[in-house]
Amino acid sequence: MKNGESSQTLRIYLSSTDKFENRSLYEEIVYEAKRQNLCGATVLRGIMGFGMSSKVHSQKLWEINEKIPIVVEVVDSKEKISDFVKAITPYVEMSGKGCLMTVLESHIIFSKEGSKN
C-alpha cells in the first residue's frame, strides 16, 4: 500500500483457545492472510475482556488462565479485505466458538517497506 491510499482495517475478535482443525484459529487466519498476499497481519493479545458470553477473561500473575482475548488486525484494500473475509468465514464458522469481525475505513498516512534479510 502507498501513502495516501484508502484502505480498510479488518479486526477479528476471538479467544486464544479457539481452534480450527486442531490449530489455533488466529494462526490459521494469519497464514491465510499470507497466502492471499495481504499487506500484513498482526495478532494482539488482550489482558482482559469479555464477549457475547459475558464471561470476563483476564490474565493476572496469580491466575493460570490460558483463555484470553485475541484481536487479529489486517489492513489492505477494500477488495482484498472483502475476498479475505469470504475466505476466513468458514474457518470461524467451523471453530464453533464466538467471534466478531469489524471493518473500518482507513487511510494510509505512512507506509515504508522494511528490508528482507
PDB file of N, CA and C in Angstrom:
ATOM      1  N   MET A   1       0.848  -1.167   0.000  1.00  0.00           N
ATOM      2  CA  MET A   1       0.000   0.000   0.000  1.00  0.00           C
ATOM      3  C   MET A   1       0.897   1.235   0.000  1.00  0.00           C
ATOM      4  N   LYS A   2       0.384   2.274  -0.585  1.00  0.00           N
ATOM      5  CA  LYS A   2       1.162   3.500  -0.710  1.00  0.00           C
ATOM      6  C   LYS A   2       0.567   4.604   0.153  1.00  0.00           C
ATOM      7  N   ASN A   3       1.425   5.564   0.518  1.00  0.00           N
ATOM      8  CA  ASN A   3       0.961   6.718   1.282  1.00  0.00           C
ATOM      9  C   ASN A   3      -0.172   7.405   0.539  1.00  0.00           C
ATOM     10  N   GLY A   4      -1.219   7.779   1.284  1.00  0.00           N
ATOM     11  CA  GLY A   4      -2.348   8.487   0.703  1.00  0.00           C
ATOM     12  C   GLY A   4      -3.456   7.597   0.188  1.00  0.00           C
ATOM     13  N   GLU A   5      -3.248   6.294   0.125  1.00  0.00           N
ATOM     14  CA  GLU A   5      -4.276   5.392  -0.384  1.00  0.00           C
ATOM     15  C   GLU A   5      -5.367   5.140   0.651  1.00  0.00           C
ATOM     16  N   SER A   6      -6.573   4.918   0.152  1.00  0.00           N
ATOM     17  CA  SER A   6      -7.667   4.489   1.020  1.00  0.00           C
ATOM     18  C   SER A   6      -7.519   2.992   1.257  1.00  0.00           C
ATOM     19  N   SER A   7      -7.941   2.558   2.422  1.00  0.00           N
ATOM     20  CA  SER A   7      -7.830   1.149   2.764  1.00  0.00           C
ATOM     21  C   SER A   7      -8.931   0.788   3.747  1.00  0.00           C
ATOM     22  N   GLN A   8      -8.934  -0.464   4.159  1.00  0.00           N
ATOM     23  CA  GLN A   8      -9.824  -0.921   5.208  1.00  0.00           C
ATOM     24  C   GLN A   8      -9.004  -1.644   6.259  1.00  0.00           C
ATOM     25  N   THR A   9      -9.472  -1.541   7.499  1.00  0.00           N
ATOM     26  CA  THR A   9      -8.863  -2.260   8.606  1.00  0.00           C
ATOM     27  C   THR A   9      -9.871  -3.296   9.088  1.00  0.00           C
ATOM     28  N   LEU A  10      -9.490  -4.551   8.977  1.00  0.00           N
ATOM     29  CA  LEU A  10     -10.315  -5.651   9.449  1.00  0.00           C
ATOM     30  C   LEU A  10      -9.837  -6.045  10.838  1.00  0.00           C
ATOM     31  N   ARG A  11     -10.767  -6.129  11.772  1.00  0.00           N
ATOM     32  CA  ARG A  11     -10.445  -6.592  13.125  1.00  0.00           C
ATOM     33  C   ARG A  11     -11.281  -7.829  13.410  1.00  0.00           C
ATOM     34  N   ILE A  12     -10.621  -8.858  13.899  1.00  0.00           N
ATOM     35  CA  ILE A  12     -11.280 -10.115  14.224  1.00  0.00           C
ATOM     36  C   ILE A  12     -11.044 -10.375  15.703  1.00  0.00           C
ATOM     37  N   TYR A  13     -12.121 -10.408  16.464  1.00  0.00           N
ATOM     38  CA  TYR A  13     -12.057 -10.612  17.908  1.00  0.00           C
ATOM     39  C   TYR A  13     -12.382 -12.073  18.193  1.00  0.00           C
ATOM     40  N   LEU A  14     -11.467 -12.759  18.873  1.00  0.00           N
ATOM     41  CA  LEU A  14     -11.672 -14.152  19.220  1.00  0.00           C
ATOM     42  C   LEU A  14     -10.918 -14.480  20.496  1.00  0.00           C
ATOM     43  N   SER A  15     -10.796 -15.753  20.792  1.00  0.00           N
ATOM     44  CA  SER A  15     -10.139 -16.187  22.021  1.00  0.00           C
ATOM     45  C   SER A  15      -8.863 -16.958  21.691  1.00  0.00           C
ATOM     46  N   SER A  16      -7.927 -16.924  22.590  1.00  0.00           N
ATOM     47  CA  SER A  16      -6.669 -17.644  22.392  1.00  0.00           C
ATOM     48  C   SER A  16      -6.866 -19.153  22.322  1.00  0.00           C
ATOM     49  N   THR A  17      -7.981 -19.658  22.821  1.00  0.00           N
ATOM     50  CA  THR A  17      -8.228 -21.110  22.823  1.00  0.00           C
ATOM     51  C   THR A  17      -9.056 -21.570  21.625  1.00  0.00           C
ATOM     52  N   ASP A  18      -9.515 -20.660  20.764  1.00  0.00           N
ATOM     53  CA  ASP A  18     -10.307 -21.041  19.594  1.00  0.00           C
ATOM     54  C   ASP A  18      -9.439 -21.818  18.615  1.00  0.00           C
ATOM     55  N   LYS A  19      -9.996 -22.894  18.099  1.00  0.00           N
ATOM     56  CA  LYS A  19      -9.249 -23.788  17.208  1.00  0.00           C
ATOM     57  C   LYS A  19      -9.949 -23.940  15.863  1.00  0.00           C
ATOM     58  N   PHE A  20      -9.148 -24.265  14.846  1.00  0.00           N
ATOM     59  CA  PHE A  20      -9.631 -24.684  13.546  1.00  0.00           C
ATOM     60  C   PHE A  20      -8.824 -25.914  13.171  1.00  0.00           C
ATOM     61  N   GLU A  21      -9.492 -27.061  13.104  1.00  0.00           N
ATOM     62  CA  GLU A  21      -8.820 -28.329  12.799  1.00  0.00           C
ATOM     63  C   GLU A  21      -7.584 -28.537  13.670  1.00  0.00           C
ATOM     64  N   ASN A  22      -7.730 -28.400  14.966  1.00  0.00           N
ATOM     65  CA  ASN A  22      -6.678 -28.633  15.964  1.00  0.00           C
ATOM     66  C   ASN A  22      -5.516 -27.647  15.905  1.00  0.00           C
ATOM     67  N   ARG A  23      -5.689 -26.543  15.199  1.00  0.00           N
ATOM     68  CA  ARG A  23      -4.676 -25.487  15.171  1.00  0.00           C
ATOM     69  C   ARG A  23      -5.314 -24.212  15.704  1.00  0.00           C
ATOM     70  N   SER A  24      -4.494 -23.305  16.213  1.00  0.00           N
ATOM     71  CA  SER A  24      -5.013 -22.033  16.713  1.00  0.00           C
ATOM     72  C   SER A  24      -5.687 -21.275  15.577  1.00  0.00           C
ATOM     73  N   LEU A  25      -6.897 -20.805  15.841  1.00  0.00           N
ATOM     74  CA  LEU A  25      -7.661 -20.081  14.824  1.00  0.00           C
ATOM     75  C   LEU A  25      -6.930 -18.814  14.397  1.00  0.00           C
ATOM     76  N   TYR A  26      -6.338 -18.096  15.350  1.00  0.00           N
ATOM     77  CA  TYR A  26      -5.651 -16.858  14.982  1.00  0.00           C
ATOM     78  C   TYR A  26      -4.449 -17.137  14.080  1.00  0.00           C
ATOM     79  N   GLU A  27      -3.748 -18.257  14.305  1.00  0.00           N
ATOM     80  CA  GLU A  27      -2.615 -18.609  13.440  1.00  0.00           C
ATOM     81  C   GLU A  27      -3.095 -18.943  12.031  1.00  0.00           C
ATOM     82  N   GLU A  28      -4.188 -19.678  11.948  1.00  0.00           N
ATOM     83  CA  GLU A  28      -4.750 -20.054  10.655  1.00  0.00           C
ATOM     84  C   GLU A  28      -5.167 -18.812   9.871  1.00  0.00           C
ATOM     85  N   ILE A  29      -5.726 -17.826  10.565  1.00  0.00           N
ATOM     86  CA  ILE A  29      -6.128 -16.572   9.920  1.00  0.00           C
ATOM     87  C   ILE A  29      -4.911 -15.826   9.387  1.00  0.00           C
ATOM     88  N   VAL A  30      -3.845 -15.759  10.172  1.00  0.00           N
ATOM     89  CA  VAL A  30      -2.630 -15.061   9.737  1.00  0.00           C
ATOM     90  C   VAL A  30      -2.005 -15.767   8.531  1.00  0.00           C
ATOM     91  N   TYR A  31      -1.950 -17.103   8.569  1.00  0.00           N
ATOM     92  CA  TYR A  31      -1.379 -17.835   7.435  1.00  0.00           C
ATOM     93  C   TYR A  31      -2.225 -17.669   6.177  1.00  0.00           C
ATOM     94  N   GLU A  32      -3.542 -17.571   6.335  1.00  0.00           N
ATOM     95  CA  GLU A  32      -4.405 -17.316   5.173  1.00  0.00           C
ATOM     96  C   GLU A  32      -4.143 -15.922   4.618  1.00  0.00           C
ATOM     97  N   ALA A  33      -3.922 -14.943   5.489  1.00  0.00           N
ATOM     98  CA  ALA A  33      -3.577 -13.591   5.032  1.00  0.00           C
ATOM     99  C   ALA A  33      -2.283 -13.616   4.224  1.00  0.00           C
ATOM    100  N   LYS A  34      -1.329 -14.397   4.672  1.00  0.00           N
ATOM    101  CA  LYS A  34      -0.050 -14.545   3.956  1.00  0.00           C
ATOM    102  C   LYS A  34      -0.275 -15.207   2.596  1.00  0.00           C
ATOM    103  N   ARG A  35      -1.090 -16.273   2.579  1.00  0.00           N
ATOM    104  CA  ARG A  35      -1.379 -16.961   1.311  1.00  0.00           C
ATOM    105  C   ARG A  35      -2.069 -16.035   0.310  1.00  0.00           C
ATOM    106  N   GLN A  36      -2.902 -15.140   0.809  1.00  0.00           N
ATOM    107  CA  GLN A  36      -3.617 -14.214  -0.071  1.00  0.00           C
ATOM    108  C   GLN A  36      -2.791 -12.968  -0.400  1.00  0.00           C
ATOM    109  N   ASN A  37      -1.559 -12.936   0.065  1.00  0.00           N
ATOM    110  CA  ASN A  37      -0.636 -11.840  -0.243  1.00  0.00           C
ATOM    111  C   ASN A  37      -1.149 -10.484   0.238  1.00  0.00           C
ATOM    112  N   LEU A  38      -1.743 -10.472   1.443  1.00  0.00           N
ATOM    113  CA  LEU A  38      -2.178  -9.208   2.027  1.00  0.00           C
ATOM    114  C   LEU A  38      -0.962  -8.462   2.560  1.00  0.00           C
ATOM    115  N   CYS A  39      -1.133  -7.178   2.819  1.00  0.00           N
ATOM    116  CA  CYS A  39      -0.009  -6.347   3.269  1.00  0.00           C
ATOM    117  C   CYS A  39       0.611  -6.851   4.562  1.00  0.00           C
ATOM    118  N   GLY A  40      -0.208  -7.386   5.449  1.00  0.00           N
ATOM    119  CA  GLY A  40       0.299  -7.892   6.718  1.00  0.00           C
ATOM    120  C   GLY A  40      -0.837  -8.161   7.669  1.00  0.00           C
ATOM    121  N   ALA A  41      -0.518  -8.843   8.739  1.00  0.00           N
ATOM    122  CA  ALA A  41      -1.496  -9.149   9.782  1.00  0.00           C
ATOM    123  C   ALA A  41      -0.788  -9.081  11.125  1.00  0.00           C
ATOM    124  N   THR A  42      -1.490  -8.616  12.134  1.00  0.00           N
ATOM    125  CA  THR A  42      -0.946  -8.514  13.480  1.00  0.00           C
ATOM    126  C   THR A  42      -1.912  -9.167  14.455  1.00  0.00           C
ATOM    127  N   VAL A  43      -1.373  -9.961  15.369  1.00  0.00           N
ATOM    128  CA  VAL A  43      -2.177 -10.573  16.422  1.00  0.00           C
ATOM    129  C   VAL A  43      -1.883  -9.824  17.712  1.00  0.00           C
ATOM    130  N   LEU A  44      -2.935  -9.303  18.318  1.00  0.00           N
ATOM    131  CA  LEU A  44      -2.822  -8.556  19.568  1.00  0.00           C
ATOM    132  C   LEU A  44      -3.401  -9.410  20.693  1.00  0.00           C
ATOM    133  N   ARG A  45      -2.663  -9.539  21.753  1.00  0.00           N
ATOM    134  CA  ARG A  45      -3.072 -10.350  22.895  1.00  0.00           C
ATOM    135  C   ARG A  45      -3.634  -9.430  23.974  1.00  0.00           C
ATOM    136  N   GLY A  46      -4.885  -9.656  24.333  1.00  0.00           N
ATOM    137  CA  GLY A  46      -5.530  -8.827  25.334  1.00  0.00           C
ATOM    138  C   GLY A  46      -5.201  -9.274  26.744  1.00  0.00           C
ATOM    139  N   ILE A  47      -5.276  -8.354  27.691  1.00  0.00           N
ATOM    140  CA  ILE A  47      -5.055  -8.716  29.088  1.00  0.00           C
ATOM    141  C   ILE A  47      -6.365  -8.917  29.823  1.00  0.00           C
ATOM    142  N   MET A  48      -7.468  -8.409  29.217  1.00  0.00           N
ATOM    143  CA  MET A  48      -8.768  -8.588  29.849  1.00  0.00           C
ATOM    144  C   MET A  48      -9.858  -8.276  28.834  1.00  0.00           C
ATOM    145  N   GLY A  49     -10.968  -9.022  28.916  1.00  0.00           N
ATOM    146  CA  GLY A  49     -12.074  -8.744  28.020  1.00  0.00           C
ATOM    147  C   GLY A  49     -13.214  -9.719  28.202  1.00  0.00           C
ATOM    148  N   PHE A  50     -14.332  -9.426  27.535  1.00  0.00           N
ATOM    149  CA  PHE A  50     -15.453 -10.351  27.507  1.00  0.00           C
ATOM    150  C   PHE A  50     -16.161 -10.209  26.181  1.00  0.00           C
ATOM    151  N   GLY A  51     -16.884 -11.255  25.813  1.00  0.00           N
ATOM    152  CA  GLY A  51     -17.602 -11.251  24.546  1.00  0.00           C
ATOM    153  C   GLY A  51     -19.069 -11.507  24.766  1.00  0.00           C
ATOM    154  N   MET A  52     -19.696 -12.143  23.790  1.00  0.00           N
ATOM    155  CA  MET A  52     -21.133 -12.383  23.829  1.00  0.00           C
ATOM    156  C   MET A  52     -21.542 -13.253  25.018  1.00  0.00           C
ATOM    157  N   SER A  53     -20.630 -14.076  25.523  1.00  0.00           N
ATOM    158  CA  SER A  53     -20.958 -14.929  26.680  1.00  0.00           C
ATOM    159  C   SER A  53     -21.028 -14.122  27.973  1.00  0.00           C
ATOM    160  N   SER A  54     -20.510 -12.904  27.959  1.00  0.00           N
ATOM    161  CA  SER A  54     -20.444 -12.003  29.109  1.00  0.00           C
ATOM    162  C   SER A  54     -19.546 -12.519  30.225  1.00  0.00           C
ATOM    163  N   LYS A  55     -18.771 -13.547  29.972  1.00  0.00           N
ATOM    164  CA  LYS A  55     -17.808 -14.035  30.961  1.00  0.00           C
ATOM    165  C   LYS A  55     -16.491 -13.272  30.769  1.00  0.00           C
ATOM    166  N   VAL A  56     -16.008 -12.670  31.842  1.00  0.00           N
ATOM    167  CA  VAL A  56     -14.771 -11.889  31.782  1.00  0.00           C
ATOM    168  C   VAL A  56     -13.577 -12.829  31.874  1.00  0.00           C
ATOM    169  N   HIS A  57     -12.641 -12.655  30.943  1.00  0.00           N
ATOM    170  CA  HIS A  57     -11.394 -13.414  30.947  1.00  0.00           C
ATOM    171  C   HIS A  57     -10.260 -12.416  31.131  1.00  0.00           C
ATOM    172  N   SER A  58      -9.311 -12.779  31.986  1.00  0.00           N
ATOM    173  CA  SER A  58      -8.176 -11.891  32.204  1.00  0.00           C
ATOM    174  C   SER A  58      -6.924 -12.704  32.434  1.00  0.00           C
ATOM    175  N   GLN A  59      -5.806 -12.024  32.337  1.00  0.00           N
ATOM    176  CA  GLN A  59      -4.521 -12.655  32.593  1.00  0.00           C
ATOM    177  C   GLN A  59      -3.854 -11.886  33.728  1.00  0.00           C
ATOM    178  N   LYS A  60      -3.717 -12.557  34.856  1.00  0.00           N
ATOM    179  CA  LYS A  60      -3.064 -11.963  36.012  1.00  0.00           C
ATOM    180  C   LYS A  60      -1.950 -12.892  36.454  1.00  0.00           C
ATOM    181  N   LEU A  61      -0.970 -12.341  37.120  1.00  0.00           N
ATOM    182  CA  LEU A  61       0.181 -13.136  37.528  1.00  0.00           C
ATOM    183  C   LEU A  61      -0.210 -14.314  38.414  1.00  0.00           C
ATOM    184  N   TRP A  62      -1.199 -14.132  39.270  1.00  0.00           N
ATOM    185  CA  TRP A  62      -1.560 -15.187  40.200  1.00  0.00           C
ATOM    186  C   TRP A  62      -2.606 -16.152  39.642  1.00  0.00           C
ATOM    187  N   GLU A  63      -3.103 -15.900  38.439  1.00  0.00           N
ATOM    188  CA  GLU A  63      -4.080 -16.783  37.824  1.00  0.00           C
ATOM    189  C   GLU A  63      -3.442 -17.545  36.678  1.00  0.00           C
ATOM    190  N   ILE A  64      -3.805 -18.802  36.554  1.00  0.00           N
ATOM    191  CA  ILE A  64      -3.391 -19.563  35.386  1.00  0.00           C
ATOM    192  C   ILE A  64      -4.637 -19.717  34.528  1.00  0.00           C
ATOM    193  N   ASN A  65      -4.698 -18.934  33.471  1.00  0.00           N
ATOM    194  CA  ASN A  65      -5.860 -18.933  32.597  1.00  0.00           C
ATOM    195  C   ASN A  65      -5.356 -18.765  31.177  1.00  0.00           C
ATOM    196  N   GLU A  66      -5.454 -19.807  30.382  1.00  0.00           N
ATOM    197  CA  GLU A  66      -4.946 -19.711  29.020  1.00  0.00           C
ATOM    198  C   GLU A  66      -5.926 -19.042  28.069  1.00  0.00           C
ATOM    199  N   LYS A  67      -7.182 -18.867  28.491  1.00  0.00           N
ATOM    200  CA  LYS A  67      -8.186 -18.261  27.624  1.00  0.00           C
ATOM    201  C   LYS A  67      -8.161 -16.749  27.813  1.00  0.00           C
ATOM    202  N   ILE A  68      -7.615 -16.055  26.826  1.00  0.00           N
ATOM    203  CA  ILE A  68      -7.540 -14.602  26.869  1.00  0.00           C
ATOM    204  C   ILE A  68      -8.015 -14.035  25.532  1.00  0.00           C
ATOM    205  N   PRO A  69      -8.413 -12.768  25.521  1.00  0.00           N
ATOM    206  CA  PRO A  69      -8.877 -12.158  24.271  1.00  0.00           C
ATOM    207  C   PRO A  69      -7.740 -11.999  23.263  1.00  0.00           C
ATOM    208  N   ILE A  70      -8.078 -12.209  21.998  1.00  0.00           N
ATOM    209  CA  ILE A  70      -7.135 -12.039  20.890  1.00  0.00           C
ATOM    210  C   ILE A  70      -7.816 -11.168  19.835  1.00  0.00           C
ATOM    211  N   VAL A  71      -7.061 -10.247  19.248  1.00  0.00           N
ATOM    212  CA  VAL A  71      -7.544  -9.459  18.117  1.00  0.00           C
ATOM    213  C   VAL A  71      -6.550  -9.643  16.975  1.00  0.00           C
ATOM    214  N   VAL A  72      -7.056 -10.051  15.821  1.00  0.00           N
ATOM    215  CA  VAL A  72      -6.236 -10.120  14.615  1.00  0.00           C
ATOM    216  C   VAL A  72      -6.603  -8.906  13.779  1.00  0.00           C
ATOM    217  N   GLU A  73      -5.603  -8.135  13.386  1.00  0.00           N
ATOM    218  CA  GLU A  73      -5.841  -6.911  12.631  1.00  0.00           C
ATOM    219  C   GLU A  73      -5.131  -6.995  11.283  1.00  0.00           C
ATOM    220  N   VAL A  74      -5.861  -6.660  10.225  1.00  0.00           N
ATOM    221  CA  VAL A  74      -5.327  -6.706   8.868  1.00  0.00           C
ATOM    222  C   VAL A  74      -5.716  -5.412   8.168  1.00  0.00           C
ATOM    223  N   VAL A  75      -4.775  -4.785   7.473  1.00  0.00           N
ATOM    224  CA  VAL A  75      -5.045  -3.569   6.702  1.00  0.00           C
ATOM    225  C   VAL A  75      -4.687  -3.844   5.248  1.00  0.00           C
ATOM    226  N   ASP A  76      -5.617  -3.546   4.351  1.00  0.00           N
ATOM    227  CA  ASP A  76      -5.356  -3.685   2.918  1.00  0.00           C
ATOM    228  C   ASP A  76      -6.473  -2.975   2.157  1.00  0.00           C
ATOM    229  N   SER A  77      -6.503  -3.153   0.852  1.00  0.00           N
ATOM    230  CA  SER A  77      -7.533  -2.512   0.028  1.00  0.00           C
ATOM    231  C   SER A  77      -8.900  -3.122   0.323  1.00  0.00           C
ATOM    232  N   LYS A  78      -9.943  -2.391  -0.021  1.00  0.00           N
ATOM    233  CA  LYS A  78     -11.317  -2.846   0.209  1.00  0.00           C
ATOM    234  C   LYS A  78     -11.566  -4.190  -0.484  1.00  0.00           C
ATOM    235  N   GLU A  79     -11.087  -4.333  -1.704  1.00  0.00           N
ATOM    236  CA  GLU A  79     -11.298  -5.560  -2.472  1.00  0.00           C
ATOM    237  C   GLU A  79     -10.602  -6.752  -1.823  1.00  0.00           C
ATOM    238  N   LYS A  80      -9.350  -6.558  -1.416  1.00  0.00           N
ATOM    239  CA  LYS A  80      -8.603  -7.657  -0.808  1.00  0.00           C
ATOM    240  C   LYS A  80      -9.191  -8.062   0.547  1.00  0.00           C
ATOM    241  N   ILE A  81      -9.632  -7.081   1.319  1.00  0.00           N
ATOM    242  CA  ILE A  81     -10.254  -7.387   2.611  1.00  0.00           C
ATOM    243  C   ILE A  81     -11.551  -8.160   2.394  1.00  0.00           C
ATOM    244  N   SER A  82     -12.339  -7.757   1.413  1.00  0.00           N
ATOM    245  CA  SER A  82     -13.589  -8.452   1.114  1.00  0.00           C
ATOM    246  C   SER A  82     -13.341  -9.912   0.734  1.00  0.00           C
ATOM    247  N   ASP A  83     -12.367 -10.155  -0.129  1.00  0.00           N
ATOM    248  CA  ASP A  83     -12.020 -11.520  -0.525  1.00  0.00           C
ATOM    249  C   ASP A  83     -11.503 -12.323   0.673  1.00  0.00           C
ATOM    250  N   PHE A  84     -10.738 -11.675   1.515  1.00  0.00           N
ATOM    251  CA  PHE A  84     -10.171 -12.341   2.692  1.00  0.00           C
ATOM    252  C   PHE A  84     -11.267 -12.755   3.659  1.00  0.00           C
ATOM    253  N   VAL A  85     -12.226 -11.879   3.889  1.00  0.00           N
ATOM    254  CA  VAL A  85     -13.339 -12.199   4.792  1.00  0.00           C
ATOM    255  C   VAL A  85     -14.098 -13.420   4.279  1.00  0.00           C
ATOM    256  N   LYS A  86     -14.330 -13.479   2.974  1.00  0.00           N
ATOM    257  CA  LYS A  86     -15.010 -14.643   2.384  1.00  0.00           C
ATOM    258  C   LYS A  86     -14.196 -15.919   2.610  1.00  0.00           C
ATOM    259  N   ALA A  87     -12.877 -15.816   2.543  1.00  0.00           N
ATOM    260  CA  ALA A  87     -12.020 -16.993   2.702  1.00  0.00           C
ATOM    261  C   ALA A  87     -11.968 -17.487   4.147  1.00  0.00           C
ATOM    262  N   ILE A  88     -11.965 -16.567   5.121  1.00  0.00           N
ATOM    263  CA  ILE A  88     -11.800 -16.995   6.509  1.00  0.00           C
ATOM    264  C   ILE A  88     -13.109 -17.256   7.240  1.00  0.00           C
ATOM    265  N   THR A  89     -14.232 -16.801   6.691  1.00  0.00           N
ATOM    266  CA  THR A  89     -15.516 -17.029   7.362  1.00  0.00           C
ATOM    267  C   THR A  89     -15.769 -18.507   7.636  1.00  0.00           C
ATOM    268  N   PRO A  90     -15.472 -19.427   6.712  1.00  0.00           N
ATOM    269  CA  PRO A  90     -15.652 -20.849   7.038  1.00  0.00           C
ATOM    270  C   PRO A  90     -14.775 -21.315   8.207  1.00  0.00           C
ATOM    271  N   TYR A  91     -13.570 -20.763   8.349  1.00  0.00           N
ATOM    272  CA  TYR A  91     -12.702 -21.132   9.481  1.00  0.00           C
ATOM    273  C   TYR A  91     -13.403 -20.786  10.791  1.00  0.00           C
ATOM    274  N   VAL A  92     -13.939 -19.575  10.835  1.00  0.00           N
ATOM    275  CA  VAL A  92     -14.588 -19.089  12.053  1.00  0.00           C
ATOM    276  C   VAL A  92     -15.858 -19.887  12.330  1.00  0.00           C
ATOM    277  N   GLU A  93     -16.634 -20.143  11.289  1.00  0.00           N
ATOM    278  CA  GLU A  93     -17.871 -20.910  11.469  1.00  0.00           C
ATOM    279  C   GLU A  93     -17.578 -22.334  11.943  1.00  0.00           C
ATOM    280  N   MET A  94     -16.539 -22.957  11.406  1.00  0.00           N
ATOM    281  CA  MET A  94     -16.206 -24.330  11.774  1.00  0.00           C
ATOM    282  C   MET A  94     -15.572 -24.434  13.158  1.00  0.00           C
ATOM    283  N   SER A  95     -15.066 -23.319  13.686  1.00  0.00           N
ATOM    284  CA  SER A  95     -14.445 -23.362  15.011  1.00  0.00           C
ATOM    285  C   SER A  95     -15.486 -23.608  16.092  1.00  0.00           C
ATOM    286  N   GLY A  96     -16.736 -23.245  15.824  1.00  0.00           N
ATOM    287  CA  GLY A  96     -17.808 -23.467  16.788  1.00  0.00           C
ATOM    288  C   GLY A  96     -17.779 -22.525  17.975  1.00  0.00           C
ATOM    289  N   LYS A  97     -16.973 -21.491  17.925  1.00  0.00           N
ATOM    290  CA  LYS A  97     -16.853 -20.532  19.025  1.00  0.00           C
ATOM    291  C   LYS A  97     -17.350 -19.164  18.582  1.00  0.00           C
ATOM    292  N   GLY A  98     -17.491 -18.268  19.558  1.00  0.00           N
ATOM    293  CA  GLY A  98     -17.920 -16.911  19.257  1.00  0.00           C
ATOM    294  C   GLY A  98     -16.812 -16.111  18.591  1.00  0.00           C
ATOM    295  N   CYS A  99     -17.205 -15.164  17.772  1.00  0.00           N
ATOM    296  CA  CYS A  99     -16.240 -14.337  17.052  1.00  0.00           C
ATOM    297  C   CYS A  99     -16.960 -13.074  16.587  1.00  0.00           C
ATOM    298  N   LEU A 100     -16.222 -11.996  16.454  1.00  0.00           N
ATOM    299  CA  LEU A 100     -16.749 -10.746  15.928  1.00  0.00           C
ATOM    300  C   LEU A 100     -15.749 -10.206  14.922  1.00  0.00           C
ATOM    301  N   MET A 101     -16.240  -9.817  13.737  1.00  0.00           N
ATOM    302  CA  MET A 101     -15.382  -9.194  12.728  1.00  0.00           C
ATOM    303  C   MET A 101     -15.936  -7.807  12.438  1.00  0.00           C
ATOM    304  N   THR A 102     -15.052  -6.831  12.406  1.00  0.00           N
ATOM    305  CA  THR A 102     -15.445  -5.472  12.054  1.00  0.00           C
ATOM    306  C   THR A 102     -14.532  -4.954  10.946  1.00  0.00           C
ATOM    307  N   VAL A 103     -15.046  -4.044  10.152  1.00  0.00           N
ATOM    308  CA  VAL A 103     -14.254  -3.395   9.111  1.00  0.00           C
ATOM    309  C   VAL A 103     -14.393  -1.896   9.287  1.00  0.00           C
ATOM    310  N   LEU A 104     -13.278  -1.219   9.300  1.00  0.00           N
ATOM    311  CA  LEU A 104     -13.241   0.235   9.416  1.00  0.00           C
ATOM    312  C   LEU A 104     -12.577   0.823   8.175  1.00  0.00           C
ATOM    313  N   GLU A 105     -13.120   1.909   7.692  1.00  0.00           N
ATOM    314  CA  GLU A 105     -12.456   2.620   6.604  1.00  0.00           C
ATOM    315  C   GLU A 105     -11.196   3.264   7.182  1.00  0.00           C
ATOM    316  N   SER A 106     -10.100   3.159   6.474  1.00  0.00           N
ATOM    317  CA  SER A 106      -8.851   3.753   6.952  1.00  0.00           C
ATOM    318  C   SER A 106      -8.122   4.416   5.789  1.00  0.00           C
ATOM    319  N   HIS A 107      -7.097   5.151   6.132  1.00  0.00           N
ATOM    320  CA  HIS A 107      -6.335   5.919   5.153  1.00  0.00           C
ATOM    321  C   HIS A 107      -4.865   5.755   5.489  1.00  0.00           C
ATOM    322  N   ILE A 108      -4.070   5.330   4.527  1.00  0.00           N
ATOM    323  CA  ILE A 108      -2.637   5.130   4.761  1.00  0.00           C
ATOM    324  C   ILE A 108      -1.955   6.494   4.827  1.00  0.00           C
ATOM    325  N   ILE A 109      -1.401   6.822   5.991  1.00  0.00           N
ATOM    326  CA  ILE A 109      -0.687   8.101   6.099  1.00  0.00           C
ATOM    327  C   ILE A 109       0.816   7.913   5.963  1.00  0.00           C
ATOM    328  N   PHE A 110       1.303   6.698   6.300  1.00  0.00           N
ATOM    329  CA  PHE A 110       2.726   6.421   6.123  1.00  0.00           C
ATOM    330  C   PHE A 110       2.920   4.931   5.961  1.00  0.00           C
ATOM    331  N   SER A 111       3.647   4.551   4.935  1.00  0.00           N
ATOM    332  CA  SER A 111       3.953   3.150   4.686  1.00  0.00           C
ATOM    333  C   SER A 111       5.352   3.066   4.112  1.00  0.00           C
ATOM    334  N   LYS A 112       6.187   2.255   4.726  1.00  0.00           N
ATOM    335  CA  LYS A 112       7.565   2.091   4.265  1.00  0.00           C
ATOM    336  C   LYS A 112       7.896   0.607   4.370  1.00  0.00           C
ATOM    337  N   GLU A 113       8.314   0.011   3.284  1.00  0.00           N
ATOM    338  CA  GLU A 113       8.658  -1.402   3.283  1.00  0.00           C
ATOM    339  C   GLU A 113       9.988  -1.613   3.981  1.00  0.00           C
ATOM    340  N   GLY A 114      10.027  -2.632   4.805  1.00  0.00           N
ATOM    341  CA  GLY A 114      11.268  -2.966   5.510  1.00  0.00           C
ATOM    342  C   GLY A 114      12.179  -3.824   4.637  1.00  0.00           C
ATOM    343  N   SER A 115      13.412  -3.973   5.067  1.00  0.00           N
ATOM    344  CA  SER A 115      14.347  -4.809   4.311  1.00  0.00           C
ATOM    345  C   SER A 115      14.106  -6.268   4.639  1.00  0.00           C
ATOM    346  N   LYS A 116      14.318  -7.114   3.659  1.00  0.00           N
ATOM    347  CA  LYS A 116      14.138  -8.552   3.831  1.00  0.00           C
ATOM    348  C   LYS A 116      15.508  -9.190   3.985  1.00  0.00           C
ATOM    349  N   ASN A 117      15.742  -9.753   5.151  1.00  0.00           N
ATOM    350  CA  ASN A 117      17.051 -10.384   5.408  1.00  0.00           C
ATOM    351  C   ASN A 117      16.951 -11.864   5.254  1.00  0.00           C
TER     352      ASN A 117
END
